């Protein structure tokens, strides 16, 4: 598919990061609109016409709008010329394994852990309890659930290379987007395999470019 017009709305959070990383992997040109959550920028009539959810991120390619980060990531992976060093599954089994990682990250790590922490952790700990209310038990159980799920997937994280082998994949984008937020919230990653994997991943040029596009810096914001 030709790269005609690609636009992305959103920055400074891990979900737009997923889209920026896949775009960097595919070396596609795109325009970024640096609008944030809870700034009022997602509630304008113009934005709500494009995305009635009133959230970020939002991805557009020509006349196609996608308002979920995982779907946007998969759209890019499936519809543009594949780079030589990016993994695309070639069999139902391989596709199922990539999907398994992506759904695991989206639900068990993101929705059931990170998003709850983001909403209810104290402000000094980078949370939004001033908006959504303090919920110490929810914060505690979210951290425990994240740690339990990390332990559950440890055996499938290789000592070397990427989750699906020698090349980066959508599974890596999803997993790293969750790991970086866990570190931001000071959740200790006790697995040596996963810590080593994380240290390798943050050195990838496409990852660094996506970080700069998302956070305006190569490392996690302090």
N, C-alpha and C. Protein backbone atom coordinates (compact mmCIF):
# COMPACT_ATOMS: atom_id res chain seq x y z
N UNK A 1 0.84 -1.20 0.00
CA UNK A 1 0.00 0.00 0.00
C UNK A 1 0.88 1.25 0.00
N UNK A 2 0.50 2.21 -0.78
CA UNK A 2 1.26 3.45 -0.84
C UNK A 2 1.04 4.26 0.43
N UNK A 3 2.09 4.93 0.82
CA UNK A 3 2.02 5.81 1.98
C UNK A 3 1.57 7.18 1.50
N UNK A 4 0.27 7.42 1.51
CA UNK A 4 -0.25 8.69 1.02
C UNK A 4 -0.30 9.74 2.11
N UNK A 5 -1.08 9.51 3.13
CA UNK A 5 -1.21 10.49 4.20
C UNK A 5 -1.47 9.78 5.51
N UNK A 6 -0.50 9.84 6.41
CA UNK A 6 -0.62 9.22 7.72
C UNK A 6 -0.53 10.30 8.79
N UNK A 7 -1.47 10.26 9.72
CA UNK A 7 -1.47 11.22 10.83
C UNK A 7 -1.72 10.47 12.13
N UNK A 8 -1.11 10.97 13.21
CA UNK A 8 -1.30 10.39 14.54
C UNK A 8 -1.55 11.51 15.53
N UNK A 9 -2.59 11.36 16.32
CA UNK A 9 -2.89 12.32 17.38
C UNK A 9 -2.54 11.67 18.72
N UNK A 10 -1.78 12.40 19.54
CA UNK A 10 -1.47 11.93 20.88
C UNK A 10 0.02 11.81 21.14
N UNK A 11 0.41 12.05 22.38
CA UNK A 11 1.78 11.85 22.81
C UNK A 11 1.83 11.81 24.34
N UNK A 12 3.03 11.54 24.85
CA UNK A 12 3.31 11.47 26.28
C UNK A 12 2.60 10.34 27.01
N UNK A 13 2.14 9.32 26.28
CA UNK A 13 1.61 8.13 26.92
C UNK A 13 2.02 6.90 26.09
N UNK A 14 1.92 5.75 26.71
CA UNK A 14 2.42 4.52 26.11
C UNK A 14 1.56 4.01 24.97
N UNK A 15 0.32 4.42 24.87
CA UNK A 15 -0.52 3.90 23.78
C UNK A 15 -0.20 4.57 22.44
N UNK A 16 -0.08 5.88 22.35
CA UNK A 16 0.43 6.45 21.10
C UNK A 16 1.82 5.93 20.75
N UNK A 17 2.62 5.65 21.78
CA UNK A 17 3.97 5.12 21.56
C UNK A 17 3.95 3.88 20.67
N UNK A 18 2.95 3.02 20.86
CA UNK A 18 2.87 1.80 20.07
C UNK A 18 2.77 2.12 18.58
N UNK A 19 1.99 3.12 18.27
CA UNK A 19 1.80 3.50 16.86
C UNK A 19 3.07 4.12 16.30
N UNK A 20 3.69 5.00 17.09
CA UNK A 20 4.92 5.64 16.62
C UNK A 20 6.02 4.60 16.37
N UNK A 21 6.08 3.60 17.24
CA UNK A 21 7.14 2.60 17.06
C UNK A 21 6.93 1.81 15.77
N UNK A 22 5.73 1.35 15.50
CA UNK A 22 5.51 0.58 14.27
C UNK A 22 5.75 1.44 13.03
N UNK A 23 5.41 2.71 13.11
CA UNK A 23 5.67 3.61 11.98
C UNK A 23 7.17 3.79 11.76
N UNK A 24 7.92 3.85 12.85
CA UNK A 24 9.37 3.97 12.73
C UNK A 24 9.97 2.68 12.18
N UNK A 25 9.44 1.54 12.59
CA UNK A 25 9.92 0.26 12.07
C UNK A 25 9.73 0.18 10.56
N UNK A 26 8.60 0.69 10.09
CA UNK A 26 8.28 0.64 8.66
C UNK A 26 8.83 1.83 7.89
N UNK A 27 9.50 2.72 8.61
CA UNK A 27 10.13 3.90 7.99
C UNK A 27 9.13 4.71 7.17
N UNK A 28 7.96 4.91 7.74
CA UNK A 28 6.90 5.65 7.06
C UNK A 28 6.88 7.11 7.51
N UNK A 29 6.55 7.98 6.58
CA UNK A 29 6.41 9.39 6.91
C UNK A 29 5.01 9.62 7.50
N UNK A 30 4.95 10.46 8.50
CA UNK A 30 3.66 10.73 9.14
C UNK A 30 3.70 12.09 9.81
N UNK A 31 2.52 12.60 10.08
CA UNK A 31 2.40 13.87 10.79
C UNK A 31 1.87 13.59 12.18
N UNK A 32 2.49 14.17 13.18
CA UNK A 32 2.11 13.94 14.57
C UNK A 32 1.48 15.20 15.16
N UNK A 33 0.34 15.02 15.81
CA UNK A 33 -0.33 16.11 16.51
C UNK A 33 -0.16 15.87 18.01
N UNK A 34 0.57 16.73 18.66
CA UNK A 34 0.91 16.52 20.06
C UNK A 34 -0.18 17.06 20.97
N UNK A 35 -1.25 16.28 21.05
CA UNK A 35 -2.34 16.62 21.97
C UNK A 35 -2.35 15.60 23.09
N UNK A 36 -2.77 16.04 24.27
CA UNK A 36 -2.72 15.16 25.43
C UNK A 36 -4.08 14.87 26.02
N UNK A 37 -4.09 13.90 26.90
CA UNK A 37 -5.32 13.58 27.63
C UNK A 37 -5.59 14.64 28.69
N UNK A 38 -6.86 14.84 28.98
CA UNK A 38 -7.28 15.75 30.06
C UNK A 38 -6.75 17.17 29.89
N UNK A 39 -6.52 17.56 28.64
CA UNK A 39 -6.08 18.93 28.36
C UNK A 39 -7.20 19.74 27.69
N UNK A 40 -8.28 19.06 27.34
CA UNK A 40 -9.36 19.69 26.59
C UNK A 40 -9.20 19.53 25.10
N UNK A 41 -8.01 19.14 24.65
CA UNK A 41 -7.74 19.03 23.21
C UNK A 41 -8.48 17.87 22.56
N UNK A 42 -8.84 16.87 23.35
CA UNK A 42 -9.58 15.73 22.79
C UNK A 42 -11.09 15.91 22.87
N UNK A 43 -11.52 17.07 23.38
CA UNK A 43 -12.94 17.30 23.57
C UNK A 43 -13.49 18.39 22.66
N UNK A 44 -12.69 18.85 21.74
CA UNK A 44 -13.16 19.87 20.80
C UNK A 44 -14.12 19.25 19.80
N UNK A 45 -15.04 20.02 19.24
CA UNK A 45 -15.95 19.48 18.24
C UNK A 45 -15.22 18.86 17.06
N UNK A 46 -14.09 19.46 16.67
CA UNK A 46 -13.34 18.96 15.53
C UNK A 46 -12.77 17.58 15.82
N UNK A 47 -12.20 17.42 17.02
CA UNK A 47 -11.61 16.13 17.35
C UNK A 47 -12.68 15.07 17.58
N UNK A 48 -13.74 15.43 18.28
CA UNK A 48 -14.81 14.47 18.56
C UNK A 48 -15.50 14.00 17.29
N UNK A 49 -15.47 14.80 16.28
CA UNK A 49 -16.03 14.37 14.99
C UNK A 49 -15.20 13.24 14.41
N UNK A 50 -13.89 13.31 14.62
CA UNK A 50 -13.00 12.25 14.13
C UNK A 50 -13.01 11.05 15.07
N UNK A 51 -13.04 11.32 16.37
CA UNK A 51 -12.98 10.25 17.37
C UNK A 51 -13.97 10.54 18.50
N UNK A 52 -15.18 10.05 18.39
CA UNK A 52 -16.21 10.30 19.41
C UNK A 52 -15.84 9.82 20.81
N UNK A 53 -14.85 8.93 20.91
CA UNK A 53 -14.41 8.48 22.24
C UNK A 53 -13.75 9.60 23.02
N UNK A 54 -13.24 10.59 22.31
CA UNK A 54 -12.60 11.71 22.98
C UNK A 54 -11.32 11.33 23.69
N UNK A 55 -10.58 10.36 23.12
CA UNK A 55 -9.35 9.90 23.74
C UNK A 55 -8.22 9.89 22.71
N UNK A 56 -7.02 9.68 23.22
CA UNK A 56 -5.88 9.43 22.35
C UNK A 56 -5.38 8.01 22.60
N UNK A 57 -4.75 7.41 21.58
CA UNK A 57 -4.37 7.98 20.30
C UNK A 57 -5.47 7.87 19.25
N UNK A 58 -5.22 8.54 18.15
CA UNK A 58 -6.04 8.39 16.95
C UNK A 58 -5.09 8.30 15.76
N UNK A 59 -5.34 7.32 14.91
CA UNK A 59 -4.51 7.09 13.73
C UNK A 59 -5.36 7.30 12.48
N UNK A 60 -4.79 7.96 11.49
CA UNK A 60 -5.50 8.12 10.21
C UNK A 60 -4.57 7.80 9.06
N UNK A 61 -5.10 7.02 8.12
CA UNK A 61 -4.43 6.81 6.85
C UNK A 61 -5.45 7.07 5.75
N UNK A 62 -5.24 8.14 5.00
CA UNK A 62 -6.22 8.58 4.00
C UNK A 62 -7.59 8.75 4.65
N UNK A 63 -8.57 7.94 4.26
CA UNK A 63 -9.92 8.11 4.82
C UNK A 63 -10.23 7.09 5.91
N UNK A 64 -9.21 6.39 6.41
CA UNK A 64 -9.41 5.38 7.45
C UNK A 64 -8.96 5.94 8.79
N UNK A 65 -9.85 5.94 9.77
CA UNK A 65 -9.54 6.39 11.12
C UNK A 65 -9.59 5.18 12.06
N UNK A 66 -8.58 5.05 12.91
CA UNK A 66 -8.52 3.95 13.88
C UNK A 66 -8.19 4.55 15.24
N UNK A 67 -9.04 4.27 16.22
CA UNK A 67 -8.89 4.91 17.52
C UNK A 67 -8.40 3.97 18.63
N UNK A 68 -7.95 2.78 18.26
CA UNK A 68 -7.35 1.85 19.22
C UNK A 68 -5.91 1.57 18.80
N UNK A 69 -5.00 1.68 19.75
CA UNK A 69 -3.57 1.58 19.43
C UNK A 69 -3.19 0.22 18.84
N UNK A 70 -3.74 -0.85 19.38
CA UNK A 70 -3.38 -2.19 18.88
C UNK A 70 -3.87 -2.37 17.45
N UNK A 71 -5.07 -1.91 17.18
CA UNK A 71 -5.62 -2.03 15.84
C UNK A 71 -4.82 -1.19 14.84
N UNK A 72 -4.41 0.00 15.26
CA UNK A 72 -3.60 0.86 14.39
C UNK A 72 -2.25 0.22 14.11
N UNK A 73 -1.64 -0.34 15.14
CA UNK A 73 -0.36 -1.04 14.97
C UNK A 73 -0.51 -2.19 13.97
N UNK A 74 -1.54 -2.99 14.14
CA UNK A 74 -1.75 -4.12 13.23
C UNK A 74 -2.07 -3.66 11.81
N UNK A 75 -2.78 -2.55 11.69
CA UNK A 75 -3.10 -2.02 10.36
C UNK A 75 -1.81 -1.69 9.60
N UNK A 76 -0.90 -1.01 10.28
CA UNK A 76 0.38 -0.68 9.63
C UNK A 76 1.13 -1.94 9.27
N UNK A 77 1.21 -2.89 10.21
CA UNK A 77 1.96 -4.12 9.96
C UNK A 77 1.40 -4.90 8.78
N UNK A 78 0.09 -4.86 8.59
CA UNK A 78 -0.57 -5.68 7.57
C UNK A 78 -0.69 -5.01 6.20
N UNK A 79 -0.52 -3.70 6.15
CA UNK A 79 -0.89 -2.99 4.92
C UNK A 79 0.24 -2.23 4.24
N UNK A 80 1.44 -2.28 4.78
CA UNK A 80 2.56 -1.61 4.15
C UNK A 80 3.69 -2.60 3.91
N UNK A 81 4.60 -2.22 3.07
CA UNK A 81 5.71 -3.11 2.72
C UNK A 81 6.54 -3.44 3.96
N UNK A 82 6.71 -4.72 4.20
CA UNK A 82 7.39 -5.17 5.41
C UNK A 82 8.89 -4.91 5.35
N UNK A 83 9.45 -4.31 6.40
CA UNK A 83 10.91 -4.15 6.45
C UNK A 83 11.60 -5.51 6.56
N UNK A 84 12.84 -5.57 6.19
CA UNK A 84 13.57 -6.84 6.20
C UNK A 84 13.78 -7.36 7.61
N UNK A 85 13.82 -6.47 8.60
CA UNK A 85 14.12 -6.91 9.96
C UNK A 85 12.91 -6.77 10.89
N UNK A 86 11.71 -6.92 10.35
CA UNK A 86 10.51 -6.92 11.18
C UNK A 86 9.75 -8.21 10.94
N UNK A 87 9.33 -8.85 12.01
CA UNK A 87 8.72 -10.17 11.92
C UNK A 87 7.21 -10.07 11.65
N UNK A 88 6.78 -10.72 10.57
CA UNK A 88 5.36 -10.86 10.26
C UNK A 88 5.06 -12.35 10.20
N UNK A 89 4.09 -12.84 10.95
CA UNK A 89 3.80 -14.28 10.96
C UNK A 89 3.36 -14.77 9.58
N UNK A 90 3.81 -15.99 9.26
CA UNK A 90 3.50 -16.54 7.94
C UNK A 90 2.61 -17.77 8.01
N UNK A 91 2.17 -18.14 9.21
CA UNK A 91 1.30 -19.30 9.37
C UNK A 91 0.27 -18.99 10.45
N UNK A 92 -0.84 -19.71 10.47
CA UNK A 92 -1.83 -19.50 11.53
C UNK A 92 -1.25 -19.68 12.93
N UNK A 93 -0.36 -20.64 13.09
CA UNK A 93 0.26 -20.87 14.39
C UNK A 93 1.08 -19.66 14.82
N UNK A 94 1.90 -19.14 13.91
CA UNK A 94 2.74 -17.98 14.23
C UNK A 94 1.89 -16.76 14.52
N UNK A 95 0.83 -16.58 13.73
CA UNK A 95 -0.06 -15.44 13.97
C UNK A 95 -0.73 -15.55 15.34
N UNK A 96 -1.12 -16.76 15.71
CA UNK A 96 -1.77 -16.96 17.00
C UNK A 96 -0.82 -16.61 18.15
N UNK A 97 0.46 -16.91 17.99
CA UNK A 97 1.42 -16.61 19.05
C UNK A 97 1.65 -15.11 19.19
N UNK A 98 1.71 -14.40 18.06
CA UNK A 98 1.82 -12.94 18.13
C UNK A 98 0.56 -12.35 18.76
N UNK A 99 -0.60 -12.85 18.33
CA UNK A 99 -1.87 -12.38 18.90
C UNK A 99 -1.92 -12.66 20.40
N UNK A 100 -1.44 -13.83 20.79
CA UNK A 100 -1.45 -14.18 22.21
C UNK A 100 -0.68 -13.15 23.04
N UNK A 101 0.50 -12.79 22.57
CA UNK A 101 1.29 -11.78 23.26
C UNK A 101 0.56 -10.43 23.30
N UNK A 102 0.00 -10.04 22.17
CA UNK A 102 -0.65 -8.73 22.09
C UNK A 102 -1.88 -8.66 22.99
N UNK A 103 -2.70 -9.70 22.98
CA UNK A 103 -3.89 -9.70 23.83
C UNK A 103 -3.52 -9.78 25.31
N UNK A 104 -2.50 -10.57 25.60
CA UNK A 104 -2.00 -10.67 26.97
C UNK A 104 -1.56 -9.30 27.49
N UNK A 105 -0.80 -8.59 26.67
CA UNK A 105 -0.31 -7.27 27.07
C UNK A 105 -1.46 -6.28 27.20
N UNK A 106 -2.39 -6.30 26.24
CA UNK A 106 -3.49 -5.34 26.25
C UNK A 106 -4.41 -5.54 27.44
N UNK A 107 -4.64 -6.79 27.83
CA UNK A 107 -5.58 -7.06 28.91
C UNK A 107 -4.90 -7.22 30.26
N UNK A 108 -4.06 -8.23 30.39
CA UNK A 108 -3.50 -8.56 31.69
C UNK A 108 -2.54 -7.49 32.21
N UNK A 109 -1.69 -6.95 31.32
CA UNK A 109 -0.72 -5.95 31.78
C UNK A 109 -1.26 -4.53 31.72
N UNK A 110 -1.96 -4.20 30.65
CA UNK A 110 -2.44 -2.83 30.47
C UNK A 110 -3.75 -2.60 31.22
N UNK A 111 -4.83 -3.19 30.73
CA UNK A 111 -6.16 -2.87 31.26
C UNK A 111 -6.33 -3.26 32.73
N UNK A 112 -5.79 -4.42 33.12
CA UNK A 112 -6.00 -4.92 34.48
C UNK A 112 -4.93 -4.48 35.47
N UNK A 113 -3.90 -3.79 35.00
CA UNK A 113 -2.84 -3.35 35.90
C UNK A 113 -2.47 -1.89 35.68
N UNK A 114 -1.85 -1.60 34.55
CA UNK A 114 -1.30 -0.27 34.32
C UNK A 114 -2.36 0.82 34.33
N UNK A 115 -3.47 0.57 33.66
CA UNK A 115 -4.49 1.61 33.56
C UNK A 115 -5.09 1.92 34.93
N UNK A 116 -5.24 0.90 35.77
CA UNK A 116 -5.76 1.12 37.12
C UNK A 116 -4.74 1.93 37.94
N UNK A 117 -3.46 1.59 37.81
CA UNK A 117 -2.42 2.34 38.49
C UNK A 117 -2.42 3.80 38.06
N UNK A 118 -2.52 4.00 36.77
CA UNK A 118 -2.51 5.35 36.22
C UNK A 118 -3.65 6.19 36.82
N UNK A 119 -4.80 5.62 36.97
CA UNK A 119 -5.96 6.35 37.46
C UNK A 119 -5.94 6.58 38.97
N UNK A 120 -5.42 5.62 39.72
CA UNK A 120 -5.62 5.68 41.17
C UNK A 120 -4.35 5.81 42.01
N UNK A 121 -3.18 5.74 41.36
CA UNK A 121 -1.95 5.97 42.10
C UNK A 121 -1.87 7.45 42.49
N UNK A 122 -1.16 7.75 43.58
CA UNK A 122 -1.04 9.12 44.04
C UNK A 122 -0.26 9.97 43.05
N UNK A 123 -0.54 11.27 43.08
CA UNK A 123 0.05 12.19 42.11
C UNK A 123 1.57 12.17 42.18
N UNK A 124 2.12 12.13 43.39
CA UNK A 124 3.58 12.12 43.53
C UNK A 124 4.19 10.85 42.97
N UNK A 125 3.38 9.85 42.75
CA UNK A 125 3.84 8.59 42.13
C UNK A 125 3.38 8.48 40.69
N UNK A 126 3.12 9.63 40.07
CA UNK A 126 2.75 9.74 38.66
C UNK A 126 1.34 9.24 38.34
N UNK A 127 0.49 9.19 39.36
CA UNK A 127 -0.89 8.79 39.15
C UNK A 127 -1.83 9.96 39.04
N UNK A 128 -3.12 9.65 38.92
CA UNK A 128 -4.16 10.67 38.73
C UNK A 128 -5.25 10.56 39.80
N UNK A 129 -4.81 10.22 41.01
CA UNK A 129 -5.79 10.08 42.09
C UNK A 129 -6.48 11.39 42.40
N UNK A 130 -5.87 12.50 42.05
CA UNK A 130 -6.52 13.81 42.25
C UNK A 130 -7.76 13.97 41.37
N UNK A 131 -7.81 13.20 40.28
CA UNK A 131 -8.95 13.26 39.36
C UNK A 131 -9.91 12.10 39.62
N UNK A 132 -9.36 10.88 39.73
CA UNK A 132 -10.20 9.69 39.79
C UNK A 132 -10.38 9.12 41.20
N UNK A 133 -9.68 9.70 42.17
CA UNK A 133 -9.83 9.25 43.55
C UNK A 133 -8.78 8.23 43.96
N UNK A 134 -8.42 8.27 45.23
CA UNK A 134 -7.47 7.30 45.75
C UNK A 134 -8.14 5.95 45.95
N UNK A 135 -7.40 4.92 45.61
CA UNK A 135 -7.89 3.54 45.79
C UNK A 135 -6.70 2.66 46.11
N UNK A 136 -6.19 2.76 47.33
CA UNK A 136 -4.95 2.04 47.67
C UNK A 136 -5.03 0.54 47.48
N UNK A 137 -6.18 -0.06 47.76
CA UNK A 137 -6.30 -1.51 47.56
C UNK A 137 -6.23 -1.88 46.09
N UNK A 138 -6.84 -1.04 45.24
CA UNK A 138 -6.79 -1.29 43.80
C UNK A 138 -5.37 -1.15 43.28
N UNK A 139 -4.65 -0.15 43.80
CA UNK A 139 -3.25 0.05 43.39
C UNK A 139 -2.41 -1.15 43.81
N UNK A 140 -2.61 -1.61 45.03
CA UNK A 140 -1.84 -2.74 45.55
C UNK A 140 -2.10 -4.00 44.74
N UNK A 141 -3.36 -4.31 44.51
CA UNK A 141 -3.69 -5.53 43.77
C UNK A 141 -3.27 -5.44 42.30
N UNK A 142 -3.28 -4.24 41.74
CA UNK A 142 -2.82 -4.06 40.35
C UNK A 142 -1.34 -4.36 40.22
N UNK A 143 -0.56 -3.88 41.17
CA UNK A 143 0.88 -4.16 41.15
C UNK A 143 1.13 -5.65 41.35
N UNK A 144 0.38 -6.27 42.24
CA UNK A 144 0.54 -7.70 42.47
C UNK A 144 0.17 -8.50 41.23
N UNK A 145 -0.91 -8.08 40.57
CA UNK A 145 -1.34 -8.79 39.36
C UNK A 145 -0.29 -8.65 38.26
N UNK A 146 0.27 -7.44 38.11
CA UNK A 146 1.29 -7.24 37.09
C UNK A 146 2.49 -8.15 37.35
N UNK A 147 2.95 -8.19 38.59
CA UNK A 147 4.10 -9.02 38.93
C UNK A 147 3.81 -10.49 38.69
N UNK A 148 2.60 -10.92 38.99
CA UNK A 148 2.22 -12.32 38.79
C UNK A 148 2.20 -12.66 37.30
N UNK A 149 1.70 -11.75 36.48
CA UNK A 149 1.65 -11.99 35.05
C UNK A 149 3.04 -11.96 34.42
N UNK A 150 3.91 -11.10 34.94
CA UNK A 150 5.29 -11.08 34.45
C UNK A 150 5.97 -12.41 34.74
N UNK A 151 5.74 -12.93 35.93
CA UNK A 151 6.32 -14.22 36.29
C UNK A 151 5.78 -15.32 35.38
N UNK A 152 4.49 -15.22 35.03
CA UNK A 152 3.86 -16.24 34.19
C UNK A 152 4.44 -16.27 32.78
N UNK A 153 4.86 -15.11 32.27
CA UNK A 153 5.36 -15.07 30.88
C UNK A 153 6.88 -15.13 30.79
N UNK A 154 7.55 -15.19 31.93
CA UNK A 154 9.02 -15.14 31.95
C UNK A 154 9.65 -16.24 31.09
N UNK A 155 9.10 -17.44 31.15
CA UNK A 155 9.70 -18.57 30.43
C UNK A 155 9.68 -18.37 28.91
N UNK A 156 8.78 -17.51 28.43
CA UNK A 156 8.64 -17.29 26.99
C UNK A 156 9.44 -16.09 26.50
N UNK A 157 10.16 -15.43 27.40
CA UNK A 157 11.01 -14.30 27.01
C UNK A 157 12.42 -14.82 26.82
N UNK A 158 12.97 -14.70 25.62
CA UNK A 158 14.27 -15.31 25.33
C UNK A 158 15.42 -14.59 26.03
N UNK A 159 16.48 -15.33 26.25
CA UNK A 159 17.68 -14.75 26.84
C UNK A 159 18.33 -13.79 25.86
N UNK A 160 18.21 -14.09 24.59
CA UNK A 160 18.71 -13.22 23.53
C UNK A 160 17.59 -13.01 22.51
N UNK A 161 17.79 -12.04 21.63
CA UNK A 161 16.86 -11.76 20.54
C UNK A 161 15.51 -11.23 21.03
N UNK A 162 14.47 -11.43 20.19
CA UNK A 162 13.16 -10.86 20.43
C UNK A 162 12.15 -11.95 20.74
N UNK A 163 10.94 -11.56 21.04
CA UNK A 163 9.94 -12.54 21.48
C UNK A 163 9.65 -13.61 20.43
N UNK A 164 9.69 -13.22 19.16
CA UNK A 164 9.36 -14.17 18.10
C UNK A 164 10.59 -14.65 17.33
N UNK A 165 11.78 -14.33 17.84
CA UNK A 165 12.98 -14.79 17.15
C UNK A 165 13.98 -13.69 16.91
N UNK A 166 14.50 -13.62 15.70
CA UNK A 166 15.59 -12.70 15.40
C UNK A 166 15.13 -11.28 15.07
N UNK A 167 13.84 -11.08 14.85
CA UNK A 167 13.34 -9.77 14.43
C UNK A 167 12.27 -9.24 15.37
N UNK A 168 12.19 -7.93 15.45
CA UNK A 168 11.14 -7.29 16.23
C UNK A 168 9.78 -7.59 15.63
N UNK A 169 8.75 -7.61 16.47
CA UNK A 169 7.39 -7.87 16.01
C UNK A 169 6.41 -6.99 16.78
N UNK A 170 5.16 -7.10 16.40
CA UNK A 170 4.11 -6.38 17.13
C UNK A 170 4.04 -6.84 18.59
N UNK A 171 4.40 -8.09 18.83
CA UNK A 171 4.43 -8.61 20.19
C UNK A 171 5.42 -7.83 21.04
N UNK A 172 6.58 -7.52 20.47
CA UNK A 172 7.59 -6.74 21.20
C UNK A 172 7.12 -5.32 21.48
N UNK A 173 6.47 -4.73 20.51
CA UNK A 173 5.96 -3.37 20.70
C UNK A 173 4.97 -3.33 21.86
N UNK A 174 4.08 -4.29 21.91
CA UNK A 174 3.11 -4.33 22.98
C UNK A 174 3.77 -4.59 24.33
N UNK A 175 4.66 -5.57 24.36
CA UNK A 175 5.30 -5.94 25.63
C UNK A 175 6.14 -4.78 26.17
N UNK A 176 6.92 -4.16 25.32
CA UNK A 176 7.77 -3.06 25.77
C UNK A 176 6.96 -1.84 26.19
N UNK A 177 5.83 -1.60 25.53
CA UNK A 177 5.00 -0.46 25.92
C UNK A 177 4.49 -0.62 27.34
N UNK A 178 4.28 -1.87 27.76
CA UNK A 178 3.82 -2.14 29.12
C UNK A 178 4.97 -2.16 30.12
N UNK A 179 6.11 -2.71 29.70
CA UNK A 179 7.26 -2.74 30.60
C UNK A 179 7.74 -1.34 30.95
N UNK A 180 7.75 -0.46 29.96
CA UNK A 180 8.25 0.88 30.24
C UNK A 180 7.37 1.61 31.24
N UNK A 181 6.06 1.38 31.19
CA UNK A 181 5.16 2.03 32.14
C UNK A 181 5.31 1.42 33.52
N UNK A 182 5.55 0.11 33.58
CA UNK A 182 5.77 -0.54 34.87
C UNK A 182 6.98 0.07 35.57
N UNK A 183 8.03 0.30 34.80
CA UNK A 183 9.23 0.91 35.37
C UNK A 183 8.94 2.34 35.81
N UNK A 184 8.11 3.04 35.03
CA UNK A 184 7.72 4.40 35.39
C UNK A 184 7.00 4.42 36.73
N UNK A 185 6.22 3.37 37.00
CA UNK A 185 5.47 3.29 38.26
C UNK A 185 6.25 2.54 39.35
N UNK A 186 7.54 2.34 39.10
CA UNK A 186 8.42 1.71 40.10
C UNK A 186 7.99 0.30 40.49
N UNK A 187 7.47 -0.44 39.50
CA UNK A 187 7.20 -1.86 39.73
C UNK A 187 8.49 -2.63 39.43
N UNK A 188 9.00 -3.32 40.40
CA UNK A 188 10.25 -4.04 40.22
C UNK A 188 10.05 -5.24 39.30
N UNK A 189 10.88 -5.33 38.28
CA UNK A 189 10.89 -6.49 37.40
C UNK A 189 11.99 -7.43 37.91
N UNK A 190 11.58 -8.54 38.50
CA UNK A 190 12.53 -9.43 39.16
C UNK A 190 13.15 -10.45 38.22
N UNK A 191 12.59 -10.60 37.05
CA UNK A 191 13.09 -11.59 36.10
C UNK A 191 14.35 -11.08 35.40
N UNK A 192 15.44 -11.83 35.50
CA UNK A 192 16.68 -11.44 34.81
C UNK A 192 16.49 -11.49 33.30
N UNK A 193 15.73 -12.47 32.83
CA UNK A 193 15.47 -12.57 31.39
C UNK A 193 14.78 -11.32 30.87
N UNK A 194 13.77 -10.87 31.59
CA UNK A 194 12.98 -9.73 31.12
C UNK A 194 13.75 -8.43 31.27
N UNK A 195 14.53 -8.29 32.33
CA UNK A 195 15.37 -7.10 32.49
C UNK A 195 16.39 -7.02 31.36
N UNK A 196 17.00 -8.16 31.04
CA UNK A 196 17.96 -8.19 29.94
C UNK A 196 17.29 -7.87 28.61
N UNK A 197 16.11 -8.43 28.40
CA UNK A 197 15.33 -8.14 27.19
C UNK A 197 15.03 -6.65 27.09
N UNK A 198 14.59 -6.05 28.18
CA UNK A 198 14.27 -4.62 28.20
C UNK A 198 15.51 -3.78 27.85
N UNK A 199 16.64 -4.13 28.42
CA UNK A 199 17.87 -3.36 28.16
C UNK A 199 18.28 -3.47 26.70
N UNK A 200 18.05 -4.62 26.08
CA UNK A 200 18.35 -4.76 24.65
C UNK A 200 17.40 -3.92 23.82
N UNK A 201 16.12 -3.97 24.18
CA UNK A 201 15.10 -3.31 23.35
C UNK A 201 15.26 -1.80 23.32
N UNK A 202 15.63 -1.21 24.45
CA UNK A 202 15.71 0.26 24.50
C UNK A 202 16.88 0.81 23.69
N UNK A 203 17.72 -0.06 23.19
CA UNK A 203 18.83 0.38 22.35
C UNK A 203 18.49 0.36 20.87
N UNK A 204 17.35 -0.19 20.52
CA UNK A 204 16.97 -0.25 19.10
C UNK A 204 16.66 1.16 18.59
N UNK A 205 17.26 1.57 17.47
CA UNK A 205 17.05 2.93 16.97
C UNK A 205 15.59 3.29 16.76
N UNK A 206 14.80 2.35 16.25
CA UNK A 206 13.39 2.64 16.01
C UNK A 206 12.64 2.87 17.32
N UNK A 207 13.03 2.14 18.35
CA UNK A 207 12.45 2.35 19.68
C UNK A 207 12.80 3.74 20.18
N UNK A 208 14.06 4.12 20.05
CA UNK A 208 14.50 5.44 20.51
C UNK A 208 13.77 6.55 19.76
N UNK A 209 13.62 6.40 18.45
CA UNK A 209 12.90 7.41 17.67
C UNK A 209 11.46 7.54 18.12
N UNK A 210 10.83 6.40 18.42
CA UNK A 210 9.44 6.43 18.90
C UNK A 210 9.34 7.08 20.27
N UNK A 211 10.32 6.84 21.12
CA UNK A 211 10.35 7.48 22.43
C UNK A 211 10.45 8.99 22.30
N UNK A 212 11.31 9.44 21.42
CA UNK A 212 11.47 10.88 21.21
C UNK A 212 10.18 11.48 20.67
N UNK A 213 9.54 10.79 19.74
CA UNK A 213 8.28 11.28 19.19
C UNK A 213 7.19 11.31 20.25
N UNK A 214 7.20 10.34 21.16
CA UNK A 214 6.16 10.23 22.18
C UNK A 214 6.43 11.12 23.39
N UNK A 215 7.65 11.04 23.91
CA UNK A 215 7.97 11.70 25.17
C UNK A 215 8.93 12.88 25.03
N UNK A 216 9.39 13.10 23.78
CA UNK A 216 10.35 14.17 23.48
C UNK A 216 11.69 13.91 24.16
N UNK A 217 11.99 12.67 24.46
CA UNK A 217 13.28 12.28 25.01
C UNK A 217 13.44 10.78 24.81
N UNK A 218 14.70 10.32 24.77
CA UNK A 218 14.97 8.93 24.44
C UNK A 218 14.70 7.99 25.60
N UNK A 219 14.74 8.52 26.82
CA UNK A 219 14.52 7.70 28.00
C UNK A 219 13.18 8.04 28.63
N UNK A 220 12.76 7.21 29.58
CA UNK A 220 11.48 7.46 30.24
C UNK A 220 11.50 8.80 30.96
N UNK A 221 10.40 9.53 30.94
CA UNK A 221 10.35 10.81 31.65
C UNK A 221 10.46 10.60 33.15
N UNK A 222 11.16 11.53 33.78
CA UNK A 222 11.35 11.44 35.24
C UNK A 222 10.10 11.94 35.96
